[in-house]
N, C-alpha and C. Protein backbone atom coordinates (compact mmCIF):
# COMPACT_ATOMS: atom_id res chain seq x y z
N GLU A 1 7.26 13.31 -5.20
CA GLU A 1 6.16 12.36 -5.25
C GLU A 1 6.64 11.03 -5.79
N LEU A 2 6.02 9.99 -5.31
CA LEU A 2 6.33 8.65 -5.76
C LEU A 2 5.02 8.02 -6.22
N TYR A 3 5.03 7.46 -7.44
CA TYR A 3 3.83 6.87 -8.02
C TYR A 3 3.96 5.36 -8.06
N VAL A 4 2.95 4.69 -7.53
CA VAL A 4 2.85 3.23 -7.60
C VAL A 4 1.56 2.93 -8.35
N SER A 5 1.64 2.07 -9.37
CA SER A 5 0.46 1.72 -10.17
C SER A 5 0.30 0.21 -10.20
N VAL A 6 -0.97 -0.22 -10.10
CA VAL A 6 -1.29 -1.64 -10.18
C VAL A 6 -2.27 -1.82 -11.32
N GLN A 7 -1.87 -2.58 -12.34
CA GLN A 7 -2.71 -2.80 -13.52
C GLN A 7 -3.75 -3.88 -13.26
N HIS A 8 -4.67 -4.03 -14.21
CA HIS A 8 -5.75 -5.01 -14.10
C HIS A 8 -5.25 -6.45 -13.95
N ASP A 9 -4.04 -6.73 -14.45
CA ASP A 9 -3.48 -8.08 -14.33
C ASP A 9 -2.62 -8.25 -13.07
N GLY A 10 -2.60 -7.22 -12.22
CA GLY A 10 -1.86 -7.28 -10.97
C GLY A 10 -0.41 -6.84 -11.07
N MET A 11 0.04 -6.47 -12.26
CA MET A 11 1.43 -6.01 -12.42
C MET A 11 1.60 -4.68 -11.68
N ILE A 12 2.72 -4.55 -10.95
CA ILE A 12 2.97 -3.38 -10.12
C ILE A 12 4.11 -2.56 -10.70
N TYR A 13 3.90 -1.26 -10.78
CA TYR A 13 4.91 -0.34 -11.29
C TYR A 13 5.26 0.68 -10.21
N ILE A 14 6.53 1.04 -10.15
CA ILE A 14 6.97 2.22 -9.40
C ILE A 14 7.39 3.19 -10.48
N ASP A 15 6.70 4.32 -10.53
CA ASP A 15 6.79 5.25 -11.64
C ASP A 15 6.50 4.47 -12.92
N ARG A 16 7.46 4.32 -13.82
CA ARG A 16 7.18 3.62 -15.08
C ARG A 16 7.86 2.26 -15.19
N LYS A 17 8.46 1.79 -14.08
CA LYS A 17 9.19 0.53 -14.12
C LYS A 17 8.42 -0.56 -13.39
N TRP A 18 8.28 -1.74 -14.05
CA TRP A 18 7.58 -2.88 -13.49
C TRP A 18 8.47 -3.62 -12.51
N TYR A 19 7.85 -4.11 -11.42
CA TYR A 19 8.56 -4.91 -10.42
C TYR A 19 7.72 -6.14 -10.06
N PRO A 20 8.35 -7.32 -9.95
CA PRO A 20 7.63 -8.46 -9.38
C PRO A 20 7.37 -8.16 -7.90
N ALA A 21 6.40 -8.84 -7.30
CA ALA A 21 5.95 -8.52 -5.95
C ALA A 21 7.08 -8.48 -4.93
N ASP A 22 7.98 -9.47 -4.92
CA ASP A 22 9.05 -9.48 -3.91
C ASP A 22 10.03 -8.33 -4.12
N GLU A 23 10.35 -8.01 -5.35
CA GLU A 23 11.25 -6.90 -5.65
C GLU A 23 10.56 -5.56 -5.33
N PHE A 24 9.26 -5.48 -5.58
CA PHE A 24 8.50 -4.28 -5.24
C PHE A 24 8.59 -4.01 -3.74
N ALA A 25 8.38 -5.04 -2.93
CA ALA A 25 8.45 -4.88 -1.48
C ALA A 25 9.84 -4.40 -1.05
N LYS A 26 10.87 -4.97 -1.64
CA LYS A 26 12.25 -4.57 -1.31
C LYS A 26 12.49 -3.12 -1.67
N ARG A 27 12.10 -2.72 -2.87
CA ARG A 27 12.30 -1.33 -3.32
C ARG A 27 11.53 -0.35 -2.44
N MET A 28 10.31 -0.72 -2.06
CA MET A 28 9.52 0.18 -1.22
C MET A 28 10.14 0.32 0.17
N ARG A 29 10.73 -0.75 0.71
CA ARG A 29 11.43 -0.64 2.00
C ARG A 29 12.60 0.32 1.87
N GLU A 30 13.32 0.25 0.73
CA GLU A 30 14.43 1.18 0.51
C GLU A 30 13.93 2.62 0.46
N PHE A 31 12.84 2.85 -0.27
CA PHE A 31 12.27 4.20 -0.34
C PHE A 31 11.79 4.64 1.05
N GLY A 32 11.19 3.72 1.80
CA GLY A 32 10.69 4.04 3.13
C GLY A 32 11.78 4.47 4.09
N VAL A 33 12.95 3.86 3.98
CA VAL A 33 14.08 4.23 4.83
C VAL A 33 14.62 5.59 4.42
N ARG A 34 14.74 5.82 3.12
CA ARG A 34 15.32 7.07 2.62
C ARG A 34 14.37 8.25 2.72
N ALA A 35 13.09 8.02 2.49
CA ALA A 35 12.15 9.14 2.41
C ALA A 35 10.75 8.73 2.88
N PRO A 36 10.59 8.42 4.19
CA PRO A 36 9.30 7.94 4.67
C PRO A 36 8.18 8.98 4.58
N HIS A 37 8.53 10.25 4.46
CA HIS A 37 7.52 11.30 4.40
C HIS A 37 7.22 11.75 2.97
N LYS A 38 7.82 11.05 2.01
CA LYS A 38 7.56 11.36 0.61
C LYS A 38 6.09 11.12 0.28
N ARG A 39 5.50 11.99 -0.52
CA ARG A 39 4.09 11.83 -0.92
C ARG A 39 3.99 10.63 -1.86
N LEU A 40 3.09 9.71 -1.55
CA LEU A 40 2.94 8.49 -2.32
C LEU A 40 1.53 8.43 -2.90
N LEU A 41 1.45 8.20 -4.19
CA LEU A 41 0.17 8.08 -4.88
C LEU A 41 0.04 6.66 -5.42
N LEU A 42 -0.96 5.94 -4.96
CA LEU A 42 -1.22 4.58 -5.44
C LEU A 42 -2.36 4.65 -6.44
N ARG A 43 -2.08 4.20 -7.65
CA ARG A 43 -3.09 4.15 -8.71
C ARG A 43 -3.41 2.68 -8.97
N ALA A 44 -4.69 2.34 -8.87
CA ALA A 44 -5.09 0.95 -9.03
C ALA A 44 -6.21 0.85 -10.05
N ASP A 45 -6.09 -0.13 -10.94
CA ASP A 45 -7.16 -0.38 -11.91
C ASP A 45 -8.45 -0.66 -11.15
N ARG A 46 -9.51 -0.02 -11.54
CA ARG A 46 -10.77 -0.13 -10.79
C ARG A 46 -11.38 -1.53 -10.86
N ASP A 47 -10.92 -2.38 -11.77
CA ASP A 47 -11.44 -3.74 -11.86
C ASP A 47 -10.71 -4.73 -10.96
N LEU A 48 -9.67 -4.29 -10.27
CA LEU A 48 -8.93 -5.18 -9.38
C LEU A 48 -9.78 -5.55 -8.16
N PRO A 49 -9.66 -6.79 -7.70
CA PRO A 49 -10.30 -7.13 -6.43
C PRO A 49 -9.64 -6.32 -5.30
N PHE A 50 -10.43 -5.96 -4.31
CA PHE A 50 -9.88 -5.17 -3.21
C PHE A 50 -8.73 -5.90 -2.52
N SER A 51 -8.75 -7.23 -2.50
CA SER A 51 -7.67 -7.99 -1.85
C SER A 51 -6.32 -7.68 -2.47
N VAL A 52 -6.27 -7.45 -3.77
CA VAL A 52 -5.01 -7.11 -4.44
C VAL A 52 -4.56 -5.72 -4.00
N VAL A 53 -5.48 -4.77 -3.99
CA VAL A 53 -5.15 -3.40 -3.57
C VAL A 53 -4.71 -3.41 -2.11
N ARG A 54 -5.43 -4.15 -1.29
CA ARG A 54 -5.09 -4.24 0.14
C ARG A 54 -3.68 -4.79 0.33
N SER A 55 -3.29 -5.80 -0.44
CA SER A 55 -1.95 -6.38 -0.27
C SER A 55 -0.87 -5.36 -0.63
N VAL A 56 -1.12 -4.52 -1.64
CA VAL A 56 -0.17 -3.46 -1.98
C VAL A 56 -0.13 -2.43 -0.85
N LEU A 57 -1.28 -2.07 -0.31
CA LEU A 57 -1.33 -1.12 0.81
C LEU A 57 -0.58 -1.65 2.03
N VAL A 58 -0.71 -2.94 2.32
CA VAL A 58 0.01 -3.55 3.43
C VAL A 58 1.51 -3.49 3.18
N THR A 59 1.93 -3.78 1.96
CA THR A 59 3.36 -3.68 1.61
C THR A 59 3.87 -2.27 1.84
N LEU A 60 3.10 -1.27 1.43
CA LEU A 60 3.50 0.12 1.61
C LEU A 60 3.57 0.48 3.09
N GLN A 61 2.62 0.00 3.87
CA GLN A 61 2.64 0.28 5.31
C GLN A 61 3.85 -0.37 5.97
N ARG A 62 4.15 -1.60 5.61
CA ARG A 62 5.31 -2.30 6.17
C ARG A 62 6.62 -1.63 5.77
N ALA A 63 6.60 -0.93 4.64
CA ALA A 63 7.79 -0.22 4.18
C ALA A 63 7.97 1.10 4.92
N GLY A 64 6.97 1.48 5.73
CA GLY A 64 7.10 2.70 6.53
C GLY A 64 6.24 3.86 6.09
N PHE A 65 5.47 3.68 5.03
CA PHE A 65 4.62 4.77 4.54
C PHE A 65 3.31 4.76 5.32
N GLN A 66 2.96 5.91 5.89
CA GLN A 66 1.75 6.01 6.68
C GLN A 66 0.63 6.75 5.96
N ARG A 67 0.97 7.51 4.94
CA ARG A 67 -0.03 8.28 4.21
C ARG A 67 0.09 7.97 2.72
N VAL A 68 -1.02 7.49 2.15
CA VAL A 68 -1.05 7.13 0.74
C VAL A 68 -2.33 7.68 0.13
N SER A 69 -2.20 8.34 -1.01
CA SER A 69 -3.39 8.76 -1.77
C SER A 69 -3.70 7.65 -2.76
N LEU A 70 -4.98 7.31 -2.88
CA LEU A 70 -5.40 6.22 -3.75
C LEU A 70 -6.37 6.74 -4.80
N ILE A 71 -6.07 6.44 -6.07
CA ILE A 71 -7.01 6.74 -7.15
C ILE A 71 -7.18 5.49 -7.98
N THR A 72 -8.29 5.39 -8.68
CA THR A 72 -8.52 4.26 -9.57
C THR A 72 -8.51 4.73 -11.01
N PHE A 73 -8.26 3.79 -11.92
CA PHE A 73 -8.23 4.10 -13.35
C PHE A 73 -8.64 2.87 -14.12
N GLU A 74 -8.89 3.07 -15.40
CA GLU A 74 -9.13 1.95 -16.31
C GLU A 74 -8.06 2.00 -17.38
N GLY A 75 -7.53 0.85 -17.76
CA GLY A 75 -6.52 0.79 -18.81
C GLY A 75 -5.11 0.83 -18.26
N SER A 76 -4.19 1.25 -19.09
CA SER A 76 -2.77 1.29 -18.75
C SER A 76 -2.43 2.46 -17.84
N PRO A 77 -1.61 2.22 -16.78
CA PRO A 77 -1.19 3.34 -15.95
C PRO A 77 -0.29 4.30 -16.71
N LEU A 78 0.37 3.81 -17.77
CA LEU A 78 1.21 4.69 -18.57
C LEU A 78 0.36 5.74 -19.27
N ALA A 79 -0.83 5.37 -19.70
CA ALA A 79 -1.74 6.34 -20.29
C ALA A 79 -2.17 7.37 -19.25
N LEU A 80 -2.39 6.91 -18.03
CA LEU A 80 -2.77 7.81 -16.95
C LEU A 80 -1.64 8.79 -16.65
N ILE A 81 -0.41 8.30 -16.64
CA ILE A 81 0.74 9.17 -16.39
C ILE A 81 0.79 10.26 -17.45
N GLY A 82 0.53 9.90 -18.72
CA GLY A 82 0.52 10.89 -19.77
C GLY A 82 -0.53 11.95 -19.55
N HIS A 83 -1.73 11.55 -19.06
CA HIS A 83 -2.79 12.51 -18.78
C HIS A 83 -2.45 13.37 -17.57
N SER A 84 -1.75 12.80 -16.58
CA SER A 84 -1.39 13.55 -15.37
C SER A 84 -0.38 14.64 -15.67
N ALA A 85 0.49 14.37 -16.63
CA ALA A 85 1.57 15.33 -16.95
C ALA A 85 1.07 16.50 -17.76
N ALA A 86 -0.09 16.37 -18.38
CA ALA A 86 -0.60 17.44 -19.25
C ALA A 86 -1.15 18.60 -18.45
């Protein structure tokens, strides 16, 4: 599984590492080439405008991912990761 998280301020994480938008797109293209069928979970702060979420979804699609699970959260995605692991 691959986890992508978008915080309320628009910061994007792959797993627990932050990436600026251009670097995020590059990394996702690399993942898409190596493992296009990998399960991808997009976690987005529920207060984000849909346009921000849509732009991340477009980046994922352009990277070759066709199936993405989307969940929303409030607060830090790191806190969510801690709850997911329990």
